[in-house]
Amino acid sequence: MAASVGAMFAVALLAGVASGPLRAQSAAGQAPAGDPLKAAGDKLAFDVASVKPNTSGGESNSNFPLGPGDVYAPNGGYFSATGFSLGSYIAFAYKVTPYQMQSLLSQLPGWASTDRYDIQARVKGNPSKDQMRLMMRSLLADRFKLGVHTETRQVPVYAVLLAKPGTTGPQLQPHLDGAPCSTTLPSASDPAPQSNVAGKFPALCGGIFNMPPSAPGRERAGARNVPMGMIASALTAMGNLGRPVLDQTGIGGTFDFSFEWTPDPDAVPPGVDFQPDPSGPSFQGALKEQLGLKLESQKGPTDVIVVDHVERPSAN
């Protein structure tokens, strides 16, 4: 079966899911300066936790999606994930964007990308997804001795703008207030129901999902009730852009969208069984025609996660 280029570009990562020397560390379980979870509360930690190397070689899975979106499965305080790399757990804990992930992986040692770990943890009550993130930060600081901080840097970026002032494309629509829009997964055994769509948009809200394309050799993604900032961030991975994308559309609120494009052949890694459709829409062409958006090269501020220290995990 052909591999999904969209999965390789980590689009599913945005579903609320798909490696130096020691310097000043952020407090365990707490947010570094500028972090979106800084106001979520004081230090949180699991009551009990197990971290073990994964030896099964099977596919990675978790009891809820480990992405920055809101999609979640209430679980009575139980976290369960198997076969993920340390980089993936950091991405969950810190709501890492696709661009931040590129920078993060360049700082981590090789084993943090290649080794796989199983983590099971429990806490009393029924914590939210963001509370789970803070508890994962505590766990990573304790077991992997992870210390990070964030820095704002001026880097080459793309600004995403409206192609025509005041107008979005036909497949980018404001989310209607009052429309049924659940972020709760139907069951823990169905963590990413990308094929379960309501019309042309995903049934679930709060995350960006891979969707079945209309033809082989194309990729398709969609979402409901997500802010423009999340859409902009996802474009980095979808288009293999290599730089962050900043929302400069000037439009607020949340949106529903569906977007289909043909990946650049140069972006398909060697050995991957995927043949881009030569008759399909290019990424930037589809962005303009379907979503009414365009990209403009600029220099601008972006938050970068800096790894201060990390070690292989201690024994349980």
C-alpha atoms as a PDB file:
ATOM      1  CA  MET A   1       0.000   0.000   0.000  1.00  0.00           C
ATOM      2  CA  ALA A   2       1.290   3.471  -0.831  1.00  0.00           C
ATOM      3  CA  ALA A   3       2.497   5.489   2.124  1.00  0.00           C
ATOM      4  CA  SER A   4       0.637   8.706   2.926  1.00  0.00           C
ATOM      5  CA  VAL A   5       2.793  11.733   2.216  1.00  0.00           C
ATOM      6  CA  GLY A   6       0.397  13.711   4.381  1.00  0.00           C
ATOM      7  CA  ALA A   7       1.259  11.443   7.276  1.00  0.00           C
ATOM      8  CA  MET A   8       4.961  11.990   6.593  1.00  0.00           C
ATOM      9  CA  PHE A   9       4.353  15.728   6.658  1.00  0.00           C
ATOM     10  CA  ALA A  10       2.784  15.291  10.122  1.00  0.00           C
ATOM     11  CA  VAL A  11      -0.627  16.702   9.259  1.00  0.00           C
ATOM     12  CA  ALA A  12      -2.159  14.204  11.644  1.00  0.00           C
ATOM     13  CA  LEU A  13       0.096  15.587  14.361  1.00  0.00           C
ATOM     14  CA  LEU A  14      -2.208  18.597  14.457  1.00  0.00           C
ATOM     15  CA  ALA A  15      -5.239  16.505  15.311  1.00  0.00           C
ATOM     16  CA  GLY A  16      -6.037  17.266  18.762  1.00  0.00           C
ATOM     17  CA  VAL A  17      -2.891  12.172  16.280  1.00  0.00           C
ATOM     18  CA  ALA A  18       0.437  11.360  13.293  1.00  0.00           C
ATOM     19  CA  SER A  19      16.708  14.192  19.666  1.00  0.00           C
ATOM     20  CA  GLY A  20      24.431  19.414  25.232  1.00  0.00           C
ATOM     21  CA  PRO A  21      25.441  20.811  27.926  1.00  0.00           C
ATOM     22  CA  LEU A  22      23.236  21.674  30.858  1.00  0.00           C
ATOM     23  CA  ARG A  23      21.949  25.231  31.033  1.00  0.00           C
ATOM     24  CA  ALA A  24      19.011  26.799  32.869  1.00  0.00           C
ATOM     25  CA  GLN A  25      16.095  24.360  32.825  1.00  0.00           C
ATOM     26  CA  SER A  26      12.404  25.097  32.942  1.00  0.00           C
ATOM     27  CA  ALA A  27      10.709  23.837  36.097  1.00  0.00           C
ATOM     28  CA  ALA A  28       9.390  20.299  35.761  1.00  0.00           C
ATOM     29  CA  GLY A  29       5.853  20.267  34.484  1.00  0.00           C
ATOM     30  CA  GLN A  30       5.733  24.028  34.088  1.00  0.00           C
ATOM     31  CA  ALA A  31       5.716  26.098  30.923  1.00  0.00           C
ATOM     32  CA  PRO A  32       8.762  28.039  29.708  1.00  0.00           C
ATOM     33  CA  ALA A  33       8.365  31.754  29.067  1.00  0.00           C
ATOM     34  CA  GLY A  34       6.012  32.527  26.199  1.00  0.00           C
ATOM     35  CA  ASP A  35       4.408  29.095  26.307  1.00  0.00           C
ATOM     36  CA  PRO A  36       0.637  28.858  25.600  1.00  0.00           C
ATOM     37  CA  LEU A  37       0.123  26.632  28.655  1.00  0.00           C
ATOM     38  CA  LYS A  38       1.807  29.054  31.073  1.00  0.00           C
ATOM     39  CA  ALA A  39      -1.521  30.049  32.589  1.00  0.00           C
ATOM     40  CA  ALA A  40      -2.793  26.465  32.858  1.00  0.00           C
ATOM     41  CA  GLY A  41      -1.692  26.055  36.447  1.00  0.00           C
ATOM     42  CA  ASP A  42       1.160  25.107  38.725  1.00  0.00           C
ATOM     43  CA  LYS A  43       3.266  21.994  38.485  1.00  0.00           C
ATOM     44  CA  LEU A  44       1.251  18.862  37.730  1.00  0.00           C
ATOM     45  CA  ALA A  45       2.472  15.274  37.803  1.00  0.00           C
ATOM     46  CA  PHE A  46       1.149  11.746  37.344  1.00  0.00           C
ATOM     47  CA  ASP A  47       0.657   9.696  40.516  1.00  0.00           C
ATOM     48  CA  VAL A  48       2.392   6.670  38.973  1.00  0.00           C
ATOM     49  CA  ALA A  49       4.169   6.214  35.646  1.00  0.00           C
ATOM     50  CA  SER A  50       6.061   3.543  33.734  1.00  0.00           C
ATOM     51  CA  VAL A  51       8.555   4.243  30.929  1.00  0.00           C
ATOM     52  CA  LYS A  52       9.902   1.232  29.041  1.00  0.00           C
ATOM     53  CA  PRO A  53      11.819   0.763  25.781  1.00  0.00           C
ATOM     54  CA  ASN A  54       9.522  -0.559  23.056  1.00  0.00           C
ATOM     55  CA  THR A  55      10.713  -3.877  21.625  1.00  0.00           C
ATOM     56  CA  SER A  56       7.610  -4.899  19.670  1.00  0.00           C
ATOM     57  CA  GLY A  57       8.379  -2.967  16.498  1.00  0.00           C
ATOM     58  CA  GLY A  58       4.648  -2.438  15.949  1.00  0.00           C
ATOM     59  CA  GLU A  59       2.866   0.737  14.936  1.00  0.00           C
ATOM     60  CA  SER A  60       2.725   3.624  17.374  1.00  0.00           C
ATOM     61  CA  ASN A  61      -0.601   4.119  19.110  1.00  0.00           C
ATOM     62  CA  SER A  62      -2.086   6.033  22.021  1.00  0.00           C
ATOM     63  CA  ASN A  63      -5.396   6.250  23.847  1.00  0.00           C
ATOM     64  CA  PHE A  64      -5.928   9.792  22.521  1.00  0.00           C
ATOM     65  CA  PRO A  65      -4.219  11.856  19.769  1.00  0.00           C
ATOM     66  CA  LEU A  66      -0.890  13.339  20.833  1.00  0.00           C
ATOM     67  CA  GLY A  67      -1.221  16.561  18.867  1.00  0.00           C
ATOM     68  CA  PRO A  68      -1.708  20.290  19.529  1.00  0.00           C
ATOM     69  CA  GLY A  69      -5.414  20.229  18.645  1.00  0.00           C
ATOM     70  CA  ASP A  70      -8.307  19.775  21.062  1.00  0.00           C
ATOM     71  CA  VAL A  71      -9.428  16.276  19.986  1.00  0.00           C
ATOM     72  CA  TYR A  72      -9.367  14.100  23.102  1.00  0.00           C
ATOM     73  CA  ALA A  73     -10.775  10.940  24.644  1.00  0.00           C
ATOM     74  CA  PRO A  74     -11.744  11.386  28.335  1.00  0.00           C
ATOM     75  CA  ASN A  75      -9.838   8.603  30.046  1.00  0.00           C
ATOM     76  CA  GLY A  76     -10.235   8.848  33.801  1.00  0.00           C
ATOM     77  CA  GLY A  77      -6.666  10.020  34.290  1.00  0.00           C
ATOM     78  CA  TYR A  78      -5.021   7.207  32.293  1.00  0.00           C
ATOM     79  CA  PHE A  79      -2.316   7.935  29.730  1.00  0.00           C
ATOM     80  CA  SER A  80      -1.242   5.090  27.473  1.00  0.00           C
ATOM     81  CA  ALA A  81       1.098   5.315  24.484  1.00  0.00           C
ATOM     82  CA  THR A  82       3.282   2.682  22.828  1.00  0.00           C
ATOM     83  CA  GLY A  83       6.019   2.886  20.247  1.00  0.00           C
ATOM     84  CA  PHE A  84       6.602   6.653  20.177  1.00  0.00           C
ATOM     85  CA  SER A  85       9.968   8.411  20.094  1.00  0.00           C
ATOM     86  CA  LEU A  86      11.043  10.899  22.728  1.00  0.00           C
ATOM     87  CA  GLY A  87      10.614  13.631  20.109  1.00  0.00           C
ATOM     88  CA  SER A  88       6.942  12.707  19.758  1.00  0.00           C
ATOM     89  CA  TYR A  89       6.371  12.883  23.515  1.00  0.00           C
ATOM     90  CA  ILE A  90       8.070  16.302  23.652  1.00  0.00           C
ATOM     91  CA  ALA A  91       5.885  17.456  20.767  1.00  0.00           C
ATOM     92  CA  PHE A  92       2.790  16.444  22.723  1.00  0.00           C
ATOM     93  CA  ALA A  93       3.932  18.008  25.981  1.00  0.00           C
ATOM     94  CA  TYR A  94       4.866  21.371  24.449  1.00  0.00           C
ATOM     95  CA  LYS A  95       2.333  21.696  21.589  1.00  0.00           C
ATOM     96  CA  VAL A  96       5.176  21.723  19.106  1.00  0.00           C
ATOM     97  CA  THR A  97       4.386  23.177  15.671  1.00  0.00           C
ATOM     98  CA  PRO A  98       5.718  21.534  12.467  1.00  0.00           C
ATOM     99  CA  TYR A  99       8.439  24.187  12.134  1.00  0.00           C
ATOM    100  CA  GLN A 100       9.401  23.875  15.808  1.00  0.00           C
ATOM    101  CA  MET A 101       9.604  20.099  15.301  1.00  0.00           C
ATOM    102  CA  GLN A 102      12.248  20.519  12.598  1.00  0.00           C
ATOM    103  CA  SER A 103      14.352  22.664  14.938  1.00  0.00           C
ATOM    104  CA  LEU A 104      13.723  20.360  17.900  1.00  0.00           C
ATOM    105  CA  LEU A 105      14.864  17.217  16.076  1.00  0.00           C
ATOM    106  CA  SER A 106      18.074  18.926  14.963  1.00  0.00           C
ATOM    107  CA  GLN A 107      19.007  19.491  18.632  1.00  0.00           C
ATOM    108  CA  LEU A 108      18.156  16.071  20.030  1.00  0.00           C
ATOM    109  CA  PRO A 109      20.617  13.156  20.006  1.00  0.00           C
ATOM    110  CA  GLY A 110      19.966  10.480  17.388  1.00  0.00           C
ATOM    111  CA  TRP A 111      18.494   7.986  19.859  1.00  0.00           C
ATOM    112  CA  ALA A 112      15.693  10.439  20.698  1.00  0.00           C
ATOM    113  CA  SER A 113      14.357   9.979  17.164  1.00  0.00           C
ATOM    114  CA  THR A 114      15.132   6.293  16.619  1.00  0.00           C
ATOM    115  CA  ASP A 115      14.449   4.673  20.012  1.00  0.00           C
ATOM    116  CA  ARG A 116      10.816   3.982  20.849  1.00  0.00           C
ATOM    117  CA  TYR A 117       9.221   4.065  24.292  1.00  0.00           C
ATOM    118  CA  ASP A 118       6.019   2.838  25.907  1.00  0.00           C
ATOM    119  CA  ILE A 119       4.569   5.089  28.591  1.00  0.00           C
ATOM    120  CA  GLN A 120       1.679   4.226  30.899  1.00  0.00           C
ATOM    121  CA  ALA A 121       0.726   6.687  33.620  1.00  0.00           C
ATOM    122  CA  ARG A 122      -2.179   7.416  35.931  1.00  0.00           C
ATOM    123  CA  VAL A 123      -3.501  10.271  38.005  1.00  0.00           C
ATOM    124  CA  LYS A 124      -6.672  10.687  40.045  1.00  0.00           C
ATOM    125  CA  GLY A 125      -9.599  12.524  38.508  1.00  0.00           C
ATOM    126  CA  ASN A 126     -10.332  13.225  34.849  1.00  0.00           C
ATOM    127  CA  PRO A 127      -7.715  15.744  33.655  1.00  0.00           C
ATOM    128  CA  SER A 128      -8.036  17.783  30.484  1.00  0.00           C
ATOM    129  CA  LYS A 129      -5.689  17.340  27.544  1.00  0.00           C
ATOM    130  CA  ASP A 130      -3.688  20.429  28.501  1.00  0.00           C
ATOM    131  CA  GLN A 131      -3.333  19.118  32.062  1.00  0.00           C
ATOM    132  CA  MET A 132      -2.055  15.846  30.582  1.00  0.00           C
ATOM    133  CA  ARG A 133       0.542  17.887  28.688  1.00  0.00           C
ATOM    134  CA  LEU A 134       1.797  19.482  31.899  1.00  0.00           C
ATOM    135  CA  MET A 135       2.013  16.097  33.597  1.00  0.00           C
ATOM    136  CA  MET A 136       3.976  14.760  30.634  1.00  0.00           C
ATOM    137  CA  ARG A 137       6.424  17.649  31.090  1.00  0.00           C
ATOM    138  CA  SER A 138       6.990  16.539  34.678  1.00  0.00           C
ATOM    139  CA  LEU A 139       7.497  12.951  33.551  1.00  0.00           C
ATOM    140  CA  LEU A 140       9.995  13.926  30.839  1.00  0.00           C
ATOM    141  CA  ALA A 141      11.942  16.090  33.297  1.00  0.00           C
ATOM    142  CA  ASP A 142      12.024  13.243  35.839  1.00  0.00           C
ATOM    143  CA  ARG A 143      12.764  10.230  33.607  1.00  0.00           C
ATOM    144  CA  PHE A 144      14.647  11.817  30.688  1.00  0.00           C
ATOM    145  CA  LYS A 145      16.148  14.758  32.638  1.00  0.00           C
ATOM    146  CA  LEU A 146      14.692  17.000  29.942  1.00  0.00           C
ATOM    147  CA  GLY A 147      15.187  20.723  30.262  1.00  0.00           C
ATOM    148  CA  VAL A 148      13.965  23.191  27.639  1.00  0.00           C
ATOM    149  CA  HIS A 149      13.249  26.869  27.200  1.00  0.00           C
ATOM    150  CA  THR A 150      11.830  28.972  24.384  1.00  0.00           C
ATOM    151  CA  GLU A 151      13.432  31.841  22.521  1.00  0.00           C
ATOM    152  CA  THR A 152      11.883  34.260  20.046  1.00  0.00           C
ATOM    153  CA  ARG A 153      14.027  34.642  16.944  1.00  0.00           C
ATOM    154  CA  GLN A 154      13.800  36.611  13.712  1.00  0.00           C
ATOM    155  CA  VAL A 155      13.894  34.058  10.883  1.00  0.00           C
ATOM    156  CA  PRO A 156      12.724  33.723   7.278  1.00  0.00           C
ATOM    157  CA  VAL A 157       8.971  33.061   7.336  1.00  0.00           C
ATOM    158  CA  TYR A 158       6.005  32.941   5.039  1.00  0.00           C
ATOM    159  CA  ALA A 159       3.101  35.221   5.799  1.00  0.00           C
ATOM    160  CA  VAL A 160      -0.259  33.764   4.778  1.00  0.00           C
ATOM    161  CA  LEU A 161      -2.556  36.439   3.352  1.00  0.00           C
ATOM    162  CA  LEU A 162      -5.926  36.610   1.662  1.00  0.00           C
ATOM    163  CA  ALA A 163      -5.458  36.393  -2.102  1.00  0.00           C
ATOM    164  CA  LYS A 164      -8.379  38.821  -2.483  1.00  0.00           C
ATOM    165  CA  PRO A 165      -9.057  41.276   0.363  1.00  0.00           C
ATOM    166  CA  GLY A 166     -12.109  40.318   2.411  1.00  0.00           C
ATOM    167  CA  THR A 167     -12.706  37.048   0.561  1.00  0.00           C
ATOM    168  CA  THR A 168     -11.850  33.431   1.378  1.00  0.00           C
ATOM    169  CA  GLY A 169     -11.920  30.543  -1.069  1.00  0.00           C
ATOM    170  CA  PRO A 170     -14.842  28.141  -1.542  1.00  0.00           C
ATOM    171  CA  GLN A 171     -13.316  25.491   0.721  1.00  0.00           C
ATOM    172  CA  LEU A 172     -12.498  27.803   3.629  1.00  0.00           C
ATOM    173  CA  GLN A 173     -15.650  28.789   5.484  1.00  0.00           C
ATOM    174  CA  PRO A 174     -16.340  30.467   8.844  1.00  0.00           C
ATOM    175  CA  HIS A 175     -17.505  27.902  11.365  1.00  0.00           C
ATOM    176  CA  LEU A 176     -21.201  28.347  12.092  1.00  0.00           C
ATOM    177  CA  ASP A 177     -22.066  29.076  15.701  1.00  0.00           C
ATOM    178  CA  GLY A 178     -24.249  26.393  17.221  1.00  0.00           C
ATOM    179  CA  ALA A 179     -23.319  23.713  14.672  1.00  0.00           C
ATOM    180  CA  PRO A 180     -22.775  20.290  16.322  1.00  0.00           C
ATOM    181  CA  CYS A 181     -19.043  20.077  16.816  1.00  0.00           C
ATOM    182  CA  SER A 182     -17.573  17.501  19.170  1.00  0.00           C
ATOM    183  CA  THR A 183     -13.897  17.232  20.062  1.00  0.00           C
ATOM    184  CA  THR A 184     -14.494  13.952  21.905  1.00  0.00           C
ATOM    185  CA  LEU A 185     -13.409  10.766  20.202  1.00  0.00           C
ATOM    186  CA  PRO A 186     -16.160   8.123  19.940  1.00  0.00           C
ATOM    187  CA  SER A 187     -13.904   5.564  21.646  1.00  0.00           C
ATOM    188  CA  ALA A 188     -10.303   5.168  22.735  1.00  0.00           C
ATOM    189  CA  SER A 189      -9.913   2.414  20.131  1.00  0.00           C
ATOM    190  CA  ASP A 190     -10.662   4.865  17.274  1.00  0.00           C
ATOM    191  CA  PRO A 191      -8.059   7.619  17.876  1.00  0.00           C
ATOM    192  CA  ALA A 192      -8.063   9.263  14.439  1.00  0.00           C
ATOM    193  CA  PRO A 193     -11.300   8.832  12.468  1.00  0.00           C
ATOM    194  CA  GLN A 194     -10.047  10.703   9.401  1.00  0.00           C
ATOM    195  CA  SER A 195     -12.451   8.881   7.076  1.00  0.00           C
ATOM    196  CA  ASN A 196     -15.479   9.765   9.195  1.00  0.00           C
ATOM    197  CA  VAL A 197     -16.492  12.989   7.467  1.00  0.00           C
ATOM    198  CA  ALA A 198     -19.566  15.176   7.576  1.00  0.00           C
ATOM    199  CA  GLY A 199     -19.996  16.245   3.946  1.00  0.00           C
ATOM    200  CA  LYS A 200     -16.661  17.651   2.820  1.00  0.00           C
ATOM    201  CA  PHE A 201     -15.280  18.326   6.292  1.00  0.00           C
ATOM    202  CA  PRO A 202     -14.176  15.997   9.120  1.00  0.00           C
ATOM    203  CA  ALA A 203     -16.872  15.055  11.603  1.00  0.00           C
ATOM    204  CA  LEU A 204     -14.712  15.916  14.610  1.00  0.00           C
ATOM    205  CA  CYS A 205     -13.721  19.459  15.492  1.00  0.00           C
ATOM    206  CA  GLY A 206     -10.587  20.997  16.946  1.00  0.00           C
ATOM    207  CA  GLY A 207      -7.914  19.218  14.908  1.00  0.00           C
ATOM    208  CA  ILE A 208      -6.582  18.917  11.369  1.00  0.00           C
ATOM    209  CA  PHE A 209      -7.014  15.451   9.876  1.00  0.00           C
ATOM    210  CA  ASN A 210      -5.753  13.618   6.818  1.00  0.00           C
ATOM    211  CA  MET A 211      -8.724  12.828   4.554  1.00  0.00           C
ATOM    212  CA  PRO A 212      -9.155  10.503   1.565  1.00  0.00           C
ATOM    213  CA  PRO A 213      -8.102  12.375  -1.615  1.00  0.00           C
ATOM    214  CA  SER A 214     -10.251  12.445  -4.742  1.00  0.00           C
ATOM    215  CA  ALA A 215      -7.531  10.749  -6.820  1.00  0.00           C
ATOM    216  CA  PRO A 216      -4.356   8.712  -6.250  1.00  0.00           C
ATOM    217  CA  GLY A 217      -1.164  10.719  -5.971  1.00  0.00           C
ATOM    218  CA  ARG A 218      -2.781  13.611  -4.105  1.00  0.00           C
ATOM    219  CA  GLU A 219      -3.080  14.574  -0.456  1.00  0.00           C
ATOM    220  CA  ARG A 220      -6.094  16.011   1.326  1.00  0.00           C
ATOM    221  CA  ALA A 221      -6.560  17.514   4.772  1.00  0.00           C
ATOM    222  CA  GLY A 222      -9.425  19.195   6.543  1.00  0.00           C
ATOM    223  CA  ALA A 223     -10.719  20.516   9.830  1.00  0.00           C
ATOM    224  CA  ARG A 224     -13.678  22.114  11.547  1.00  0.00           C
ATOM    225  CA  ASN A 225     -13.743  24.896  14.113  1.00  0.00           C
ATOM    226  CA  VAL A 226     -10.021  25.682  14.083  1.00  0.00           C
ATOM    227  CA  PRO A 227      -8.390  29.143  14.213  1.00  0.00           C
ATOM    228  CA  MET A 228      -6.514  30.565  11.265  1.00  0.00           C
ATOM    229  CA  GLY A 229      -3.287  30.364  13.248  1.00  0.00           C
ATOM    230  CA  MET A 230      -3.546  26.573  13.398  1.00  0.00           C
ATOM    231  CA  ILE A 231      -4.197  26.398   9.652  1.00  0.00           C
ATOM    232  CA  ALA A 232      -1.189  28.633   8.978  1.00  0.00           C
ATOM    233  CA  SER A 233       1.059  26.485  11.169  1.00  0.00           C
ATOM    234  CA  ALA A 234      -0.056  23.315   9.382  1.00  0.00           C
ATOM    235  CA  LEU A 235       0.906  24.735   5.982  1.00  0.00           C
ATOM    236  CA  THR A 236       4.595  24.370   6.894  1.00  0.00           C
ATOM    237  CA  ALA A 237       4.234  20.580   6.940  1.00  0.00           C
ATOM    238  CA  MET A 238       1.669  20.237   4.158  1.00  0.00           C
ATOM    239  CA  GLY A 239       3.756  22.208   1.669  1.00  0.00           C
ATOM    240  CA  ASN A 240       7.138  21.021   2.924  1.00  0.00           C
ATOM    241  CA  LEU A 241       8.011  24.725   3.172  1.00  0.00           C
ATOM    242  CA  GLY A 242      10.951  24.535   5.560  1.00  0.00           C
ATOM    243  CA  ARG A 243      10.021  27.726   7.399  1.00  0.00           C
ATOM    244  CA  PRO A 244       7.214  28.838   9.743  1.00  0.00           C
ATOM    245  CA  VAL A 245       4.001  30.299   8.352  1.00  0.00           C
ATOM    246  CA  LEU A 246       2.481  33.276  10.195  1.00  0.00           C
ATOM    247  CA  ASP A 247      -1.179  34.242   9.956  1.00  0.00           C
ATOM    248  CA  GLN A 248      -1.487  37.739   8.531  1.00  0.00           C
ATOM    249  CA  THR A 249      -4.956  37.353   7.025  1.00  0.00           C
ATOM    250  CA  GLY A 250      -6.464  39.733   9.565  1.00  0.00           C
ATOM    251  CA  ILE A 251      -9.567  37.538   9.934  1.00  0.00           C
ATOM    252  CA  GLY A 252     -10.646  36.202  13.309  1.00  0.00           C
ATOM    253  CA  GLY A 253     -12.931  33.458  14.492  1.00  0.00           C
ATOM    254  CA  THR A 254     -12.706  29.783  13.613  1.00  0.00           C
ATOM    255  CA  PHE A 255     -13.040  27.998  10.293  1.00  0.00           C
ATOM    256  CA  ASP A 256     -13.967  24.796   8.502  1.00  0.00           C
ATOM    257  CA  PHE A 257     -11.787  23.831   5.556  1.00  0.00           C
ATOM    258  CA  SER A 258     -10.915  21.069   3.131  1.00  0.00           C
ATOM    259  CA  PHE A 259      -7.738  21.265   1.058  1.00  0.00           C
ATOM    260  CA  GLU A 260      -6.386  18.925  -1.646  1.00  0.00           C
ATOM    261  CA  TRP A 261      -3.045  19.242  -3.425  1.00  0.00           C
ATOM    262  CA  THR A 262      -0.354  17.282  -5.239  1.00  0.00           C
ATOM    263  CA  PRO A 263       2.877  17.057  -3.224  1.00  0.00           C
ATOM    264  CA  ASP A 264       6.098  18.236  -4.817  1.00  0.00           C
ATOM    265  CA  PRO A 265       7.908  15.128  -6.151  1.00  0.00           C
ATOM    266  CA  ASP A 266      11.126  16.380  -4.538  1.00  0.00           C
ATOM    267  CA  ALA A 267       9.417  16.196  -1.130  1.00  0.00           C
ATOM    268  CA  VAL A 268       8.771  12.438  -1.348  1.00  0.00           C
ATOM    269  CA  PRO A 269      11.538  10.661   0.593  1.00  0.00           C
ATOM    270  CA  PRO A 270      13.561   7.982  -1.218  1.00  0.00           C
ATOM    271  CA  GLY A 271      12.041   4.520  -0.972  1.00  0.00           C
ATOM    272  CA  VAL A 272       8.515   5.746  -0.288  1.00  0.00           C
ATOM    273  CA  ASP A 273       5.872   4.222  -2.568  1.00  0.00           C
ATOM    274  CA  PHE A 274       4.070   7.401  -3.581  1.00  0.00           C
ATOM    275  CA  GLN A 275       3.729   8.782  -7.094  1.00  0.00           C
ATOM    276  CA  PRO A 276       2.443  12.386  -7.205  1.00  0.00           C
ATOM    277  CA  ASP A 277      -0.417  12.969  -9.642  1.00  0.00           C
ATOM    278  CA  PRO A 278       0.991  15.162 -12.454  1.00  0.00           C
ATOM    279  CA  SER A 279      -2.499  16.397 -13.320  1.00  0.00           C
ATOM    280  CA  GLY A 280      -3.327  17.445  -9.754  1.00  0.00           C
ATOM    281  CA  PRO A 281      -3.225  20.964  -8.312  1.00  0.00           C
ATOM    282  CA  SER A 282       0.091  22.322  -7.038  1.00  0.00           C
ATOM    283  CA  PHE A 283       0.298  23.258  -3.373  1.00  0.00           C
ATOM    284  CA  GLN A 284       0.341  27.026  -3.888  1.00  0.00           C
ATOM    285  CA  GLY A 285      -2.175  26.871  -6.740  1.00  0.00           C
ATOM    286  CA  ALA A 286      -4.604  24.863  -4.603  1.00  0.00           C
ATOM    287  CA  LEU A 287      -4.026  27.210  -1.678  1.00  0.00           C
ATOM    288  CA  LYS A 288      -5.199  30.155  -3.784  1.00  0.00           C
ATOM    289  CA  GLU A 289      -8.054  28.454  -5.672  1.00  0.00           C
ATOM    290  CA  GLN A 290      -9.509  26.381  -2.834  1.00  0.00           C
ATOM    291  CA  LEU A 291      -8.793  28.447   0.289  1.00  0.00           C
ATOM    292  CA  GLY A 292      -8.312  31.934  -1.182  1.00  0.00           C
ATOM    293  CA  LEU A 293      -4.897  32.258   0.475  1.00  0.00           C
ATOM    294  CA  LYS A 294      -1.410  33.123  -0.706  1.00  0.00           C
ATOM    295  CA  LEU A 295       2.085  33.027   0.776  1.00  0.00           C
ATOM    296  CA  GLU A 296       4.494  35.960   0.930  1.00  0.00           C
ATOM    297  CA  SER A 297       8.159  35.585   1.879  1.00  0.00           C
ATOM    298  CA  GLN A 298       9.158  37.792   4.817  1.00  0.00           C
ATOM    299  CA  LYS A 299      11.293  37.836   7.927  1.00  0.00           C
ATOM    300  CA  GLY A 300       9.466  37.655  11.218  1.00  0.00           C
ATOM    301  CA  PRO A 301       9.444  36.460  14.852  1.00  0.00           C
ATOM    302  CA  THR A 302       8.936  32.828  15.741  1.00  0.00           C
ATOM    303  CA  ASP A 303       9.243  30.912  19.011  1.00  0.00           C
ATOM    304  CA  VAL A 304      11.898  28.199  18.981  1.00  0.00           C
ATOM    305  CA  ILE A 305      12.179  25.454  21.602  1.00  0.00           C
ATOM    306  CA  VAL A 306      15.769  25.155  22.830  1.00  0.00           C
ATOM    307  CA  VAL A 307      16.862  21.850  24.381  1.00  0.00           C
ATOM    308  CA  ASP A 308      19.061  22.474  27.425  1.00  0.00           C
ATOM    309  CA  HIS A 309      19.617  18.886  28.535  1.00  0.00           C
ATOM    310  CA  VAL A 310      18.336  15.360  27.875  1.00  0.00           C
ATOM    311  CA  GLU A 311      19.371  11.835  28.890  1.00  0.00           C
ATOM    312  CA  ARG A 312      18.213   8.309  28.151  1.00  0.00           C
ATOM    313  CA  PRO A 313      15.468   7.426  30.646  1.00  0.00           C
ATOM    314  CA  SER A 314      16.204   6.159  34.093  1.00  0.00           C
ATOM    315  CA  ALA A 315      14.950   2.724  35.106  1.00  0.00           C
ATOM    316  CA  ASN A 316      11.424   2.495  36.533  1.00  0.00           C
END
